[in-house]
Amino acid sequence: MILIVRLFESAVKMKYDQPVHLLWLGLAVLFVAAALYLQHAGHKLEKETKAGHHGPKSVFPPAPSDDAPGH
């Protein structure tokens, strides 16, 4: 979190002489957001795993088994 604060502190002090500088700032913000999202998702997955859940449910129906009646 300290590195994120430092990034924004330096972004405030920086002089934006060319449009490419704003592009780099936007990319930095995007990377910070992605890193925070992945950290949150990993923490959430770890909590679900400890609670006994085994990941997200499948959107596909279960495959029929060979011992199903009617064969």
N, C-alpha and C. Protein backbone atom coordinates (compact mmCIF):
# COMPACT_ATOMS: atom_id res chain seq x y z
N MET A 1 0.82 -1.19 0.00
CA MET A 1 0.00 0.00 0.00
C MET A 1 0.87 1.26 0.00
N ILE A 2 2.01 1.15 0.66
CA ILE A 2 2.91 2.31 0.69
C ILE A 2 3.41 2.62 -0.71
N LEU A 3 3.70 1.59 -1.50
CA LEU A 3 4.17 1.82 -2.86
C LEU A 3 3.10 2.49 -3.72
N ILE A 4 1.85 2.16 -3.49
CA ILE A 4 0.76 2.79 -4.23
C ILE A 4 0.68 4.27 -3.89
N VAL A 5 0.80 4.58 -2.61
CA VAL A 5 0.76 5.98 -2.18
C VAL A 5 1.94 6.73 -2.78
N ARG A 6 3.12 6.11 -2.76
CA ARG A 6 4.31 6.75 -3.34
C ARG A 6 4.13 7.00 -4.84
N LEU A 7 3.50 6.05 -5.53
CA LEU A 7 3.25 6.22 -6.96
C LEU A 7 2.41 7.45 -7.22
N PHE A 8 1.33 7.60 -6.45
CA PHE A 8 0.45 8.74 -6.67
C PHE A 8 1.08 10.05 -6.20
N GLU A 9 1.92 9.99 -5.18
CA GLU A 9 2.65 11.20 -4.77
C GLU A 9 3.57 11.67 -5.89
N SER A 10 4.29 10.74 -6.50
CA SER A 10 5.18 11.13 -7.59
C SER A 10 4.40 11.54 -8.82
N ALA A 11 3.21 10.98 -9.02
CA ALA A 11 2.37 11.37 -10.16
C ALA A 11 1.88 12.80 -10.01
N VAL A 12 1.63 13.23 -8.79
CA VAL A 12 1.18 14.61 -8.56
C VAL A 12 2.33 15.59 -8.83
N LYS A 13 3.54 15.21 -8.47
CA LYS A 13 4.70 16.08 -8.64
C LYS A 13 5.23 16.11 -10.07
N MET A 14 4.90 15.11 -10.86
CA MET A 14 5.45 14.98 -12.20
C MET A 14 4.89 16.04 -13.13
N LYS A 15 5.73 16.50 -14.07
CA LYS A 15 5.28 17.44 -15.10
C LYS A 15 4.91 16.64 -16.34
N TYR A 16 3.74 16.90 -16.85
CA TYR A 16 3.24 16.19 -18.02
C TYR A 16 3.43 17.08 -19.24
N ASP A 17 4.59 16.96 -19.88
CA ASP A 17 4.93 17.80 -21.02
C ASP A 17 4.36 17.26 -22.33
N GLN A 18 4.24 15.95 -22.41
CA GLN A 18 3.79 15.32 -23.64
C GLN A 18 2.61 14.39 -23.33
N PRO A 19 1.76 14.15 -24.32
CA PRO A 19 0.62 13.25 -24.10
C PRO A 19 1.03 11.84 -23.69
N VAL A 20 2.21 11.40 -24.12
CA VAL A 20 2.65 10.05 -23.76
C VAL A 20 2.84 9.92 -22.25
N HIS A 21 3.13 11.01 -21.57
CA HIS A 21 3.28 10.97 -20.11
C HIS A 21 1.95 10.62 -19.45
N LEU A 22 0.85 11.15 -19.98
CA LEU A 22 -0.47 10.80 -19.45
C LEU A 22 -0.80 9.34 -19.72
N LEU A 23 -0.33 8.85 -20.86
CA LEU A 23 -0.53 7.43 -21.17
C LEU A 23 0.18 6.55 -20.16
N TRP A 24 1.42 6.90 -19.81
CA TRP A 24 2.16 6.13 -18.81
C TRP A 24 1.48 6.19 -17.45
N LEU A 25 0.94 7.34 -17.10
CA LEU A 25 0.21 7.46 -15.83
C LEU A 25 -1.02 6.56 -15.84
N GLY A 26 -1.74 6.58 -16.95
CA GLY A 26 -2.92 5.72 -17.06
C GLY A 26 -2.58 4.24 -16.96
N LEU A 27 -1.47 3.84 -17.60
CA LEU A 27 -1.04 2.45 -17.51
C LEU A 27 -0.63 2.08 -16.09
N ALA A 28 0.01 3.00 -15.40
CA ALA A 28 0.40 2.74 -14.01
C ALA A 28 -0.83 2.53 -13.14
N VAL A 29 -1.84 3.37 -13.33
CA VAL A 29 -3.08 3.23 -12.56
C VAL A 29 -3.77 1.91 -12.90
N LEU A 30 -3.76 1.55 -14.17
CA LEU A 30 -4.37 0.29 -14.60
C LEU A 30 -3.65 -0.91 -13.97
N PHE A 31 -2.32 -0.88 -13.95
CA PHE A 31 -1.57 -1.97 -13.35
C PHE A 31 -1.80 -2.06 -11.84
N VAL A 32 -1.91 -0.93 -11.18
CA VAL A 32 -2.18 -0.94 -9.74
C VAL A 32 -3.56 -1.54 -9.48
N ALA A 33 -4.54 -1.13 -10.29
CA ALA A 33 -5.90 -1.67 -10.13
C ALA A 33 -5.92 -3.18 -10.38
N ALA A 34 -5.21 -3.63 -11.41
CA ALA A 34 -5.16 -5.07 -11.71
C ALA A 34 -4.48 -5.84 -10.57
N ALA A 35 -3.41 -5.29 -10.03
CA ALA A 35 -2.72 -5.96 -8.93
C ALA A 35 -3.60 -6.06 -7.69
N LEU A 36 -4.32 -5.00 -7.38
CA LEU A 36 -5.23 -5.03 -6.23
C LEU A 36 -6.36 -6.02 -6.45
N TYR A 37 -6.88 -6.08 -7.67
CA TYR A 37 -7.94 -7.04 -7.98
C TYR A 37 -7.44 -8.48 -7.82
N LEU A 38 -6.27 -8.77 -8.37
CA LEU A 38 -5.73 -10.12 -8.26
C LEU A 38 -5.43 -10.50 -6.81
N GLN A 39 -4.96 -9.53 -6.04
CA GLN A 39 -4.70 -9.79 -4.63
C GLN A 39 -6.00 -10.11 -3.90
N HIS A 40 -7.04 -9.35 -4.20
CA HIS A 40 -8.35 -9.59 -3.57
C HIS A 40 -8.91 -10.95 -3.99
N ALA A 41 -8.80 -11.26 -5.28
CA ALA A 41 -9.32 -12.54 -5.78
C ALA A 41 -8.57 -13.72 -5.15
N GLY A 42 -7.26 -13.59 -5.02
CA GLY A 42 -6.49 -14.65 -4.39
C GLY A 42 -6.84 -14.83 -2.93
N HIS A 43 -7.06 -13.73 -2.24
CA HIS A 43 -7.43 -13.80 -0.82
C HIS A 43 -8.81 -14.44 -0.67
N LYS A 44 -9.73 -14.09 -1.56
CA LYS A 44 -11.08 -14.64 -1.52
C LYS A 44 -11.04 -16.15 -1.81
N LEU A 45 -10.23 -16.56 -2.78
CA LEU A 45 -10.11 -17.97 -3.12
C LEU A 45 -9.50 -18.75 -1.96
N GLU A 46 -8.54 -18.16 -1.28
CA GLU A 46 -7.91 -18.81 -0.14
C GLU A 46 -8.92 -19.02 0.99
N LYS A 47 -9.77 -18.02 1.24
CA LYS A 47 -10.79 -18.15 2.28
C LYS A 47 -11.79 -19.24 1.92
N GLU A 48 -12.20 -19.31 0.64
CA GLU A 48 -13.16 -20.33 0.23
C GLU A 48 -12.56 -21.72 0.33
N THR A 49 -11.28 -21.85 0.01
CA THR A 49 -10.62 -23.15 0.08
C THR A 49 -10.54 -23.62 1.52
N LYS A 50 -10.23 -22.72 2.44
CA LYS A 50 -10.15 -23.09 3.85
C LYS A 50 -11.52 -23.44 4.41
N ALA A 51 -12.58 -22.85 3.85
CA ALA A 51 -13.93 -23.11 4.33
C ALA A 51 -14.50 -24.41 3.76
N GLY A 52 -13.78 -25.04 2.84
CA GLY A 52 -14.26 -26.31 2.29
C GLY A 52 -14.82 -26.21 0.90
N HIS A 53 -14.92 -25.04 0.35
CA HIS A 53 -15.40 -24.89 -1.02
C HIS A 53 -14.24 -25.21 -1.96
N HIS A 54 -14.58 -25.71 -3.12
CA HIS A 54 -13.53 -26.09 -4.07
C HIS A 54 -13.66 -25.30 -5.36
N GLY A 55 -13.72 -24.01 -5.27
CA GLY A 55 -13.74 -23.16 -6.46
C GLY A 55 -15.15 -22.88 -6.94
N PRO A 56 -15.23 -22.16 -8.03
CA PRO A 56 -16.55 -21.78 -8.54
C PRO A 56 -17.29 -22.98 -9.12
N LYS A 57 -18.61 -22.91 -9.07
CA LYS A 57 -19.42 -23.98 -9.61
C LYS A 57 -19.37 -23.92 -11.13
N SER A 58 -19.49 -25.09 -11.75
CA SER A 58 -19.46 -25.17 -13.20
C SER A 58 -20.80 -24.73 -13.77
N VAL A 59 -20.76 -24.09 -14.92
CA VAL A 59 -21.99 -23.68 -15.58
C VAL A 59 -22.52 -24.79 -16.47
N PHE A 60 -21.74 -25.87 -16.63
CA PHE A 60 -22.15 -26.98 -17.46
C PHE A 60 -22.81 -28.05 -16.61
N PRO A 61 -23.82 -28.75 -17.16
CA PRO A 61 -24.45 -29.84 -16.39
C PRO A 61 -23.47 -30.99 -16.25
N PRO A 62 -23.64 -31.83 -15.22
CA PRO A 62 -22.72 -32.96 -15.04
C PRO A 62 -22.86 -33.95 -16.19
N ALA A 63 -21.76 -34.57 -16.52
CA ALA A 63 -21.76 -35.57 -17.61
C ALA A 63 -22.51 -36.81 -17.14
N PRO A 64 -23.25 -37.45 -18.04
CA PRO A 64 -23.97 -38.67 -17.66
C PRO A 64 -22.98 -39.79 -17.35
N SER A 65 -23.31 -40.58 -16.35
CA SER A 65 -22.43 -41.69 -15.98
C SER A 65 -22.86 -42.95 -16.74
N ASP A 66 -21.95 -43.92 -16.81
CA ASP A 66 -22.22 -45.15 -17.55
C ASP A 66 -23.23 -46.04 -16.85
N ASP A 67 -23.36 -45.93 -15.53
CA ASP A 67 -24.29 -46.79 -14.80
C ASP A 67 -25.65 -46.14 -14.60
N ALA A 68 -25.98 -45.14 -15.41
CA ALA A 68 -27.28 -44.47 -15.30
C ALA A 68 -28.37 -45.40 -15.82
N PRO A 69 -29.55 -45.43 -15.20
CA PRO A 69 -30.63 -46.29 -15.66
C PRO A 69 -31.13 -45.85 -17.04
N GLY A 70 -31.62 -46.82 -17.81
CA GLY A 70 -32.16 -46.50 -19.12
C GLY A 70 -31.23 -46.85 -20.26
N HIS A 71 -30.10 -47.48 -19.97
CA HIS A 71 -29.17 -47.87 -21.03
C HIS A 71 -29.33 -49.31 -21.35
